[in-house]
Amino acid sequence: MKIVVISDTHMTDKAGNLPTKLLEEIKTADMVIHAGDFISIELFEKIKSLCANVRAVCGNMDTPEIRQALPQKEIFKAGRYKIGVMHGYGSPAKLVEAISAEFKGEKPDIIIFGHSHSALNEKIGDTLFFNPGSPTDKMFATSNTYGIIEINAKIEAKIIEV
């Protein structure tokens, strides 16, 4: 199973400014996970038109329309692995600790989050913490990135620079 992971797109129009490389990846994905801060519902709809299996949560910058349509936190299975998704909040320096506390007791194999615009692909204990960064941010991100998680017999995750 190929999962394209994105977050912090911060786009006010459809998908006109998503990188072409990312759009092509979405078209070939088995699932897309967006960890919040779409900004526009049109972008969410556009991603759903490119991939039938989209999981998403709202972020702190999302509009009321998106906050009504999407949960703040989601847990689901992909293959035999449990995935937790939440945008995140607070200081980027304490983001992993804050996200970890939100999933305490639920023991996901993968925790996907955003908020910091900084990519992270790190196993801590038995859990993979995965932040795809931002594919579009030109102000705070040091580079524009998204993620690919391959789930087969094991989990293989990588950050892709656009």
N, C-alpha and C. Protein backbone atom coordinates (compact mmCIF):
# COMPACT_ATOMS: atom_id res chain seq x y z
N MET A 1 0.84 -1.18 0.00
CA MET A 1 0.00 0.00 0.00
C MET A 1 0.89 1.24 0.00
N LYS A 2 0.65 2.13 -0.95
CA LYS A 2 1.40 3.39 -1.04
C LYS A 2 0.51 4.52 -0.51
N ILE A 3 1.03 5.21 0.52
CA ILE A 3 0.31 6.33 1.13
C ILE A 3 1.11 7.61 0.90
N VAL A 4 0.47 8.61 0.29
CA VAL A 4 1.08 9.93 0.16
C VAL A 4 0.63 10.74 1.37
N VAL A 5 1.59 11.36 2.05
CA VAL A 5 1.31 12.10 3.28
C VAL A 5 1.67 13.57 3.06
N ILE A 6 0.69 14.44 3.31
CA ILE A 6 0.91 15.88 3.17
C ILE A 6 0.33 16.62 4.36
N SER A 7 0.76 17.84 4.54
CA SER A 7 0.25 18.70 5.61
C SER A 7 0.60 20.14 5.27
N ASP A 8 -0.04 21.04 5.96
CA ASP A 8 0.30 22.45 5.90
C ASP A 8 0.42 22.99 4.48
N THR A 9 -0.62 22.71 3.69
CA THR A 9 -0.64 23.21 2.32
C THR A 9 -1.01 24.69 2.27
N HIS A 10 -1.81 25.16 3.23
CA HIS A 10 -2.15 26.58 3.37
C HIS A 10 -2.51 27.23 2.03
N MET A 11 -3.48 26.62 1.34
CA MET A 11 -3.86 27.14 0.03
C MET A 11 -5.28 27.66 0.03
N THR A 12 -5.46 28.80 -0.57
CA THR A 12 -6.78 29.41 -0.62
C THR A 12 -7.54 29.08 -1.91
N ASP A 13 -6.86 28.50 -2.89
CA ASP A 13 -7.57 28.10 -4.11
C ASP A 13 -7.48 26.59 -4.26
N LYS A 14 -7.98 26.07 -5.36
CA LYS A 14 -8.06 24.61 -5.54
C LYS A 14 -6.69 23.97 -5.41
N ALA A 15 -6.13 23.42 -6.43
CA ALA A 15 -4.82 22.78 -6.31
C ALA A 15 -3.84 23.38 -7.30
N GLY A 16 -4.10 24.60 -7.72
CA GLY A 16 -3.28 25.22 -8.74
C GLY A 16 -1.82 25.34 -8.37
N ASN A 17 -1.52 25.46 -7.09
CA ASN A 17 -0.15 25.65 -6.68
C ASN A 17 0.50 24.44 -6.04
N LEU A 18 -0.21 23.31 -5.97
CA LEU A 18 0.46 22.10 -5.48
C LEU A 18 1.50 21.70 -6.52
N PRO A 19 2.68 21.31 -6.07
CA PRO A 19 3.72 20.91 -7.03
C PRO A 19 3.26 19.75 -7.92
N THR A 20 3.62 19.82 -9.19
CA THR A 20 3.24 18.80 -10.16
C THR A 20 3.68 17.42 -9.71
N LYS A 21 4.89 17.32 -9.18
CA LYS A 21 5.42 16.03 -8.70
C LYS A 21 4.49 15.44 -7.63
N LEU A 22 3.99 16.27 -6.74
CA LEU A 22 3.08 15.81 -5.69
C LEU A 22 1.74 15.38 -6.28
N LEU A 23 1.20 16.15 -7.21
CA LEU A 23 -0.07 15.79 -7.85
C LEU A 23 0.04 14.43 -8.54
N GLU A 24 1.15 14.17 -9.20
CA GLU A 24 1.36 12.88 -9.87
C GLU A 24 1.43 11.74 -8.85
N GLU A 25 2.08 11.98 -7.72
CA GLU A 25 2.15 10.96 -6.65
C GLU A 25 0.75 10.65 -6.11
N ILE A 26 -0.05 11.69 -5.91
CA ILE A 26 -1.42 11.50 -5.39
C ILE A 26 -2.23 10.62 -6.33
N LYS A 27 -2.08 10.82 -7.63
CA LYS A 27 -2.83 10.04 -8.62
C LYS A 27 -2.50 8.55 -8.57
N THR A 28 -1.30 8.20 -8.14
CA THR A 28 -0.89 6.79 -8.10
C THR A 28 -0.96 6.18 -6.70
N ALA A 29 -1.46 6.94 -5.73
CA ALA A 29 -1.50 6.49 -4.34
C ALA A 29 -2.70 5.59 -4.06
N ASP A 30 -2.53 4.67 -3.13
CA ASP A 30 -3.64 3.88 -2.62
C ASP A 30 -4.42 4.67 -1.57
N MET A 31 -3.73 5.61 -0.92
CA MET A 31 -4.34 6.45 0.11
C MET A 31 -3.57 7.76 0.19
N VAL A 32 -4.27 8.84 0.53
CA VAL A 32 -3.65 10.12 0.85
C VAL A 32 -4.05 10.47 2.27
N ILE A 33 -3.07 10.89 3.06
CA ILE A 33 -3.34 11.39 4.40
C ILE A 33 -2.89 12.84 4.45
N HIS A 34 -3.81 13.73 4.83
CA HIS A 34 -3.49 15.15 5.00
C HIS A 34 -3.62 15.48 6.48
N ALA A 35 -2.55 16.00 7.07
CA ALA A 35 -2.52 16.26 8.50
C ALA A 35 -2.91 17.69 8.86
N GLY A 36 -3.77 18.30 8.06
CA GLY A 36 -4.36 19.59 8.44
C GLY A 36 -3.69 20.82 7.89
N ASP A 37 -4.42 21.92 8.04
CA ASP A 37 -4.09 23.23 7.48
C ASP A 37 -4.16 23.23 5.96
N PHE A 38 -5.33 22.79 5.48
CA PHE A 38 -5.66 22.92 4.06
C PHE A 38 -5.84 24.39 3.73
N ILE A 39 -6.63 25.06 4.54
CA ILE A 39 -7.18 26.41 4.45
C ILE A 39 -8.46 26.42 3.63
N SER A 40 -8.48 25.80 2.46
CA SER A 40 -9.71 25.82 1.66
C SER A 40 -10.30 24.43 1.49
N ILE A 41 -11.61 24.35 1.57
CA ILE A 41 -12.32 23.08 1.35
C ILE A 41 -12.14 22.62 -0.09
N GLU A 42 -11.94 23.56 -1.01
CA GLU A 42 -11.75 23.22 -2.42
C GLU A 42 -10.51 22.34 -2.61
N LEU A 43 -9.46 22.60 -1.85
CA LEU A 43 -8.27 21.77 -1.96
C LEU A 43 -8.57 20.35 -1.48
N PHE A 44 -9.29 20.22 -0.39
CA PHE A 44 -9.69 18.89 0.10
C PHE A 44 -10.48 18.15 -0.97
N GLU A 45 -11.42 18.82 -1.60
CA GLU A 45 -12.23 18.21 -2.66
C GLU A 45 -11.37 17.83 -3.87
N LYS A 46 -10.42 18.67 -4.21
CA LYS A 46 -9.52 18.39 -5.33
C LYS A 46 -8.70 17.12 -5.07
N ILE A 47 -8.17 17.00 -3.86
CA ILE A 47 -7.39 15.81 -3.51
C ILE A 47 -8.27 14.57 -3.58
N LYS A 48 -9.50 14.68 -3.10
CA LYS A 48 -10.43 13.54 -3.17
C LYS A 48 -10.75 13.16 -4.61
N SER A 49 -10.71 14.12 -5.52
CA SER A 49 -10.97 13.80 -6.94
C SER A 49 -9.80 13.06 -7.58
N LEU A 50 -8.62 13.16 -6.98
CA LEU A 50 -7.42 12.51 -7.51
C LEU A 50 -7.15 11.14 -6.89
N CYS A 51 -7.66 10.93 -5.67
CA CYS A 51 -7.46 9.66 -4.96
C CYS A 51 -8.74 9.35 -4.19
N ALA A 52 -9.28 8.17 -4.40
CA ALA A 52 -10.56 7.81 -3.77
C ALA A 52 -10.46 7.62 -2.26
N ASN A 53 -9.28 7.30 -1.75
CA ASN A 53 -9.12 6.99 -0.34
C ASN A 53 -8.31 8.10 0.34
N VAL A 54 -9.02 9.09 0.89
CA VAL A 54 -8.37 10.23 1.55
C VAL A 54 -8.77 10.25 3.02
N ARG A 55 -7.77 10.32 3.89
CA ARG A 55 -7.98 10.50 5.33
C ARG A 55 -7.41 11.86 5.67
N ALA A 56 -8.11 12.62 6.50
CA ALA A 56 -7.63 13.96 6.81
C ALA A 56 -8.16 14.44 8.15
N VAL A 57 -7.43 15.35 8.74
CA VAL A 57 -7.84 16.03 9.97
C VAL A 57 -7.74 17.53 9.72
N CYS A 58 -8.40 18.30 10.56
CA CYS A 58 -8.31 19.75 10.43
C CYS A 58 -7.11 20.26 11.23
N GLY A 59 -6.65 21.44 10.86
CA GLY A 59 -5.53 22.07 11.55
C GLY A 59 -5.96 23.39 12.17
N ASN A 60 -5.05 24.01 12.88
CA ASN A 60 -5.36 25.24 13.61
C ASN A 60 -5.68 26.43 12.70
N MET A 61 -5.26 26.39 11.45
CA MET A 61 -5.51 27.51 10.54
C MET A 61 -6.69 27.26 9.59
N ASP A 62 -7.32 26.09 9.70
CA ASP A 62 -8.40 25.77 8.78
C ASP A 62 -9.67 26.57 9.08
N THR A 63 -10.46 26.76 8.02
CA THR A 63 -11.70 27.52 8.11
C THR A 63 -12.75 26.74 8.90
N PRO A 64 -13.78 27.42 9.39
CA PRO A 64 -14.87 26.72 10.08
C PRO A 64 -15.50 25.62 9.22
N GLU A 65 -15.57 25.83 7.92
CA GLU A 65 -16.14 24.83 7.02
C GLU A 65 -15.33 23.52 7.07
N ILE A 66 -14.03 23.64 7.08
CA ILE A 66 -13.18 22.45 7.15
C ILE A 66 -13.25 21.83 8.54
N ARG A 67 -13.28 22.66 9.58
CA ARG A 67 -13.36 22.15 10.95
C ARG A 67 -14.65 21.36 11.19
N GLN A 68 -15.72 21.74 10.49
CA GLN A 68 -16.98 21.00 10.60
C GLN A 68 -16.92 19.69 9.82
N ALA A 69 -16.16 19.67 8.74
CA ALA A 69 -16.11 18.48 7.87
C ALA A 69 -15.11 17.42 8.34
N LEU A 70 -14.07 17.85 9.06
CA LEU A 70 -12.99 16.93 9.41
C LEU A 70 -12.76 16.88 10.92
N PRO A 71 -12.36 15.72 11.44
CA PRO A 71 -12.05 15.61 12.86
C PRO A 71 -10.71 16.26 13.20
N GLN A 72 -10.46 16.50 14.48
CA GLN A 72 -9.16 17.00 14.92
C GLN A 72 -8.14 15.87 15.04
N LYS A 73 -8.65 14.66 15.24
CA LYS A 73 -7.79 13.50 15.46
C LYS A 73 -8.46 12.28 14.86
N GLU A 74 -7.67 11.40 14.27
CA GLU A 74 -8.23 10.18 13.69
C GLU A 74 -7.27 9.02 13.91
N ILE A 75 -7.83 7.85 14.17
CA ILE A 75 -7.06 6.62 14.30
C ILE A 75 -7.72 5.58 13.42
N PHE A 76 -6.92 4.90 12.60
CA PHE A 76 -7.46 3.87 11.71
C PHE A 76 -6.36 2.86 11.40
N LYS A 77 -6.74 1.77 10.77
CA LYS A 77 -5.78 0.74 10.39
C LYS A 77 -5.51 0.81 8.89
N ALA A 78 -4.25 0.59 8.55
CA ALA A 78 -3.84 0.43 7.16
C ALA A 78 -3.04 -0.87 7.14
N GLY A 79 -3.61 -1.88 6.50
CA GLY A 79 -3.01 -3.20 6.60
C GLY A 79 -3.13 -3.66 8.05
N ARG A 80 -2.04 -4.12 8.61
CA ARG A 80 -2.08 -4.56 10.01
C ARG A 80 -1.57 -3.49 10.98
N TYR A 81 -1.33 -2.29 10.46
CA TYR A 81 -0.75 -1.22 11.27
C TYR A 81 -1.79 -0.16 11.66
N LYS A 82 -1.68 0.31 12.90
CA LYS A 82 -2.56 1.37 13.41
C LYS A 82 -1.89 2.72 13.18
N ILE A 83 -2.63 3.63 12.55
CA ILE A 83 -2.13 4.97 12.25
C ILE A 83 -2.96 6.01 12.99
N GLY A 84 -2.28 6.92 13.66
CA GLY A 84 -2.92 8.06 14.31
C GLY A 84 -2.55 9.32 13.56
N VAL A 85 -3.53 10.20 13.36
CA VAL A 85 -3.29 11.45 12.64
C VAL A 85 -3.86 12.61 13.45
N MET A 86 -3.06 13.65 13.62
CA MET A 86 -3.49 14.88 14.28
C MET A 86 -2.57 16.00 13.80
N HIS A 87 -3.12 17.20 13.63
CA HIS A 87 -2.31 18.29 13.10
C HIS A 87 -1.19 18.68 14.06
N GLY A 88 -1.52 18.95 15.29
CA GLY A 88 -0.55 19.41 16.28
C GLY A 88 -0.83 20.84 16.69
N TYR A 89 -0.14 21.27 17.73
CA TYR A 89 -0.37 22.60 18.29
C TYR A 89 0.82 22.98 19.17
N GLY A 90 0.90 24.26 19.46
CA GLY A 90 1.93 24.73 20.38
C GLY A 90 3.29 24.88 19.73
N SER A 91 4.29 24.95 20.58
CA SER A 91 5.66 25.18 20.16
C SER A 91 6.21 24.00 19.37
N PRO A 92 6.85 24.28 18.22
CA PRO A 92 7.47 23.20 17.46
C PRO A 92 8.50 22.41 18.27
N ALA A 93 9.15 23.07 19.24
CA ALA A 93 10.17 22.40 20.06
C ALA A 93 9.57 21.29 20.92
N LYS A 94 8.30 21.39 21.26
CA LYS A 94 7.63 20.40 22.12
C LYS A 94 6.55 19.62 21.37
N LEU A 95 6.57 19.70 20.04
CA LEU A 95 5.49 19.12 19.25
C LEU A 95 5.40 17.60 19.36
N VAL A 96 6.51 16.91 19.30
CA VAL A 96 6.49 15.44 19.39
C VAL A 96 5.93 15.01 20.75
N GLU A 97 6.33 15.70 21.82
CA GLU A 97 5.82 15.36 23.15
C GLU A 97 4.32 15.61 23.24
N ALA A 98 3.85 16.72 22.69
CA ALA A 98 2.42 17.05 22.73
C ALA A 98 1.60 16.02 21.94
N ILE A 99 2.08 15.69 20.75
CA ILE A 99 1.37 14.71 19.91
C ILE A 99 1.38 13.34 20.58
N SER A 100 2.51 12.96 21.14
CA SER A 100 2.63 11.68 21.82
C SER A 100 1.62 11.56 22.95
N ALA A 101 1.45 12.64 23.71
CA ALA A 101 0.49 12.64 24.82
C ALA A 101 -0.94 12.47 24.33
N GLU A 102 -1.26 13.01 23.15
CA GLU A 102 -2.61 12.90 22.59
C GLU A 102 -2.97 11.46 22.24
N PHE A 103 -1.97 10.64 21.95
CA PHE A 103 -2.21 9.24 21.56
C PHE A 103 -1.83 8.25 22.65
N LYS A 104 -1.55 8.76 23.85
CA LYS A 104 -1.15 7.90 24.96
C LYS A 104 -2.23 6.84 25.22
N GLY A 105 -1.81 5.61 25.33
CA GLY A 105 -2.74 4.52 25.60
C GLY A 105 -3.33 3.89 24.35
N GLU A 106 -3.23 4.57 23.20
CA GLU A 106 -3.80 4.03 21.96
C GLU A 106 -2.78 3.24 21.15
N LYS A 107 -1.52 3.44 21.45
CA LYS A 107 -0.40 2.69 20.87
C LYS A 107 -0.43 2.55 19.34
N PRO A 108 -0.48 3.67 18.62
CA PRO A 108 -0.39 3.56 17.16
C PRO A 108 1.02 3.16 16.73
N ASP A 109 1.11 2.49 15.60
CA ASP A 109 2.40 2.15 15.02
C ASP A 109 3.03 3.37 14.35
N ILE A 110 2.18 4.25 13.81
CA ILE A 110 2.62 5.47 13.14
C ILE A 110 1.78 6.63 13.66
N ILE A 111 2.43 7.73 14.00
CA ILE A 111 1.73 8.98 14.31
C ILE A 111 2.13 10.00 13.25
N ILE A 112 1.13 10.47 12.51
CA ILE A 112 1.34 11.46 11.46
C ILE A 112 0.83 12.80 11.97
N PHE A 113 1.64 13.84 11.79
CA PHE A 113 1.26 15.17 12.26
C PHE A 113 1.88 16.23 11.37
N GLY A 114 1.53 17.46 11.61
CA GLY A 114 2.04 18.59 10.83
C GLY A 114 2.41 19.72 11.76
N HIS A 115 1.90 20.92 11.45
CA HIS A 115 1.98 22.13 12.26
C HIS A 115 3.32 22.86 12.18
N SER A 116 4.45 22.15 12.27
CA SER A 116 5.75 22.82 12.33
C SER A 116 6.31 23.19 10.96
N HIS A 117 5.76 22.61 9.89
CA HIS A 117 6.27 22.78 8.52
C HIS A 117 7.66 22.18 8.34
N SER A 118 8.11 21.40 9.32
CA SER A 118 9.43 20.76 9.27
C SER A 118 9.26 19.25 9.21
N ALA A 119 9.86 18.63 8.22
CA ALA A 119 9.74 17.19 8.04
C ALA A 119 10.44 16.44 9.17
N LEU A 120 9.82 15.32 9.55
CA LEU A 120 10.40 14.43 10.56
C LEU A 120 10.02 13.00 10.22
N ASN A 121 10.96 12.10 10.28
CA ASN A 121 10.75 10.68 10.02
C ASN A 121 11.61 9.95 11.04
N GLU A 122 11.04 9.72 12.24
CA GLU A 122 11.84 9.20 13.34
C GLU A 122 11.07 8.17 14.15
N LYS A 123 11.71 7.05 14.41
CA LYS A 123 11.11 6.01 15.25
C LYS A 123 11.52 6.30 16.69
N ILE A 124 10.53 6.42 17.56
CA ILE A 124 10.76 6.63 18.98
C ILE A 124 10.04 5.50 19.70
N GLY A 125 10.81 4.64 20.33
CA GLY A 125 10.22 3.44 20.92
C GLY A 125 9.68 2.56 19.81
N ASP A 126 8.41 2.18 19.94
CA ASP A 126 7.78 1.34 18.92
C ASP A 126 6.98 2.13 17.89
N THR A 127 7.01 3.46 17.98
CA THR A 127 6.16 4.32 17.15
C THR A 127 6.99 5.14 16.17
N LEU A 128 6.54 5.17 14.91
CA LEU A 128 7.13 6.04 13.90
C LEU A 128 6.42 7.39 13.96
N PHE A 129 7.16 8.46 14.24
CA PHE A 129 6.63 9.82 14.22
C PHE A 129 6.97 10.39 12.85
N PHE A 130 5.92 10.81 12.12
CA PHE A 130 6.11 11.21 10.73
C PHE A 130 5.41 12.54 10.46
N ASN A 131 6.20 13.56 10.16
CA ASN A 131 5.69 14.87 9.77
C ASN A 131 6.20 15.11 8.35
N PRO A 132 5.28 15.23 7.37
CA PRO A 132 5.73 15.39 5.99
C PRO A 132 6.28 16.77 5.65
N GLY A 133 6.23 17.71 6.58
CA GLY A 133 6.63 19.08 6.28
C GLY A 133 5.53 19.76 5.47
N SER A 134 5.89 20.75 4.69
CA SER A 134 4.92 21.47 3.85
C SER A 134 5.41 21.49 2.41
N PRO A 135 4.52 21.12 1.46
CA PRO A 135 4.94 21.15 0.06
C PRO A 135 4.87 22.54 -0.57
N THR A 136 4.33 23.51 0.17
CA THR A 136 4.07 24.82 -0.44
C THR A 136 4.62 26.02 0.33
N ASP A 137 4.96 25.87 1.59
CA ASP A 137 5.38 27.00 2.42
C ASP A 137 6.68 27.62 1.91
N LYS A 138 6.67 28.91 1.72
CA LYS A 138 7.86 29.63 1.26
C LYS A 138 8.43 30.52 2.37
N MET A 139 7.75 30.60 3.53
CA MET A 139 8.20 31.51 4.59
C MET A 139 8.94 30.79 5.73
N PHE A 140 8.37 29.69 6.22
CA PHE A 140 8.91 29.07 7.43
C PHE A 140 9.67 27.77 7.18
N ALA A 141 9.33 27.05 6.12
CA ALA A 141 9.97 25.77 5.84
C ALA A 141 11.34 25.99 5.18
N THR A 142 12.32 25.19 5.59
CA THR A 142 13.64 25.29 4.97
C THR A 142 13.65 24.65 3.59
N SER A 143 12.73 23.70 3.36
CA SER A 143 12.54 23.12 2.03
C SER A 143 11.10 22.63 1.94
N ASN A 144 10.60 22.46 0.73
CA ASN A 144 9.23 21.99 0.53
C ASN A 144 9.25 20.48 0.38
N THR A 145 8.41 19.81 1.19
CA THR A 145 8.45 18.35 1.25
C THR A 145 7.06 17.75 1.41
N TYR A 146 6.98 16.47 1.11
CA TYR A 146 5.82 15.63 1.43
C TYR A 146 6.38 14.26 1.76
N GLY A 147 5.51 13.33 2.12
CA GLY A 147 5.99 12.01 2.51
C GLY A 147 5.35 10.89 1.73
N ILE A 148 6.05 9.77 1.70
CA ILE A 148 5.52 8.52 1.16
C ILE A 148 5.73 7.45 2.23
N ILE A 149 4.66 6.76 2.56
CA ILE A 149 4.75 5.61 3.45
C ILE A 149 4.30 4.39 2.67
N GLU A 150 5.15 3.40 2.60
CA GLU A 150 4.82 2.12 1.95
C GLU A 150 4.55 1.12 3.06
N ILE A 151 3.37 0.50 3.00
CA ILE A 151 3.02 -0.51 3.99
C ILE A 151 2.86 -1.84 3.28
N ASN A 152 3.75 -2.75 3.60
CA ASN A 152 3.70 -4.13 3.11
C ASN A 152 3.90 -5.01 4.34
N ALA A 153 4.89 -5.88 4.32
CA ALA A 153 5.19 -6.68 5.50
C ALA A 153 5.74 -5.79 6.62
N LYS A 154 6.36 -4.67 6.22
CA LYS A 154 6.87 -3.71 7.18
C LYS A 154 6.55 -2.29 6.69
N ILE A 155 6.85 -1.32 7.51
CA ILE A 155 6.62 0.09 7.19
C ILE A 155 7.91 0.68 6.64
N GLU A 156 7.82 1.32 5.47
CA GLU A 156 8.95 2.06 4.92
C GLU A 156 8.47 3.48 4.66
N ALA A 157 9.10 4.45 5.28
CA ALA A 157 8.69 5.84 5.18
C ALA A 157 9.83 6.70 4.70
N LYS A 158 9.50 7.68 3.83
CA LYS A 158 10.53 8.59 3.36
C LYS A 158 9.94 9.97 3.13
N ILE A 159 10.80 10.96 3.26
CA ILE A 159 10.47 12.35 2.98
C ILE A 159 10.96 12.66 1.57
N ILE A 160 10.09 13.30 0.78
CA ILE A 160 10.42 13.65 -0.60
C ILE A 160 10.49 15.17 -0.72
N GLU A 161 11.57 15.67 -1.28
CA GLU A 161 11.71 17.10 -1.51
C GLU A 161 11.15 17.42 -2.89
N VAL A 162 10.38 18.53 -2.98
CA VAL A 162 9.83 18.93 -4.28
C VAL A 162 10.66 20.02 -4.92
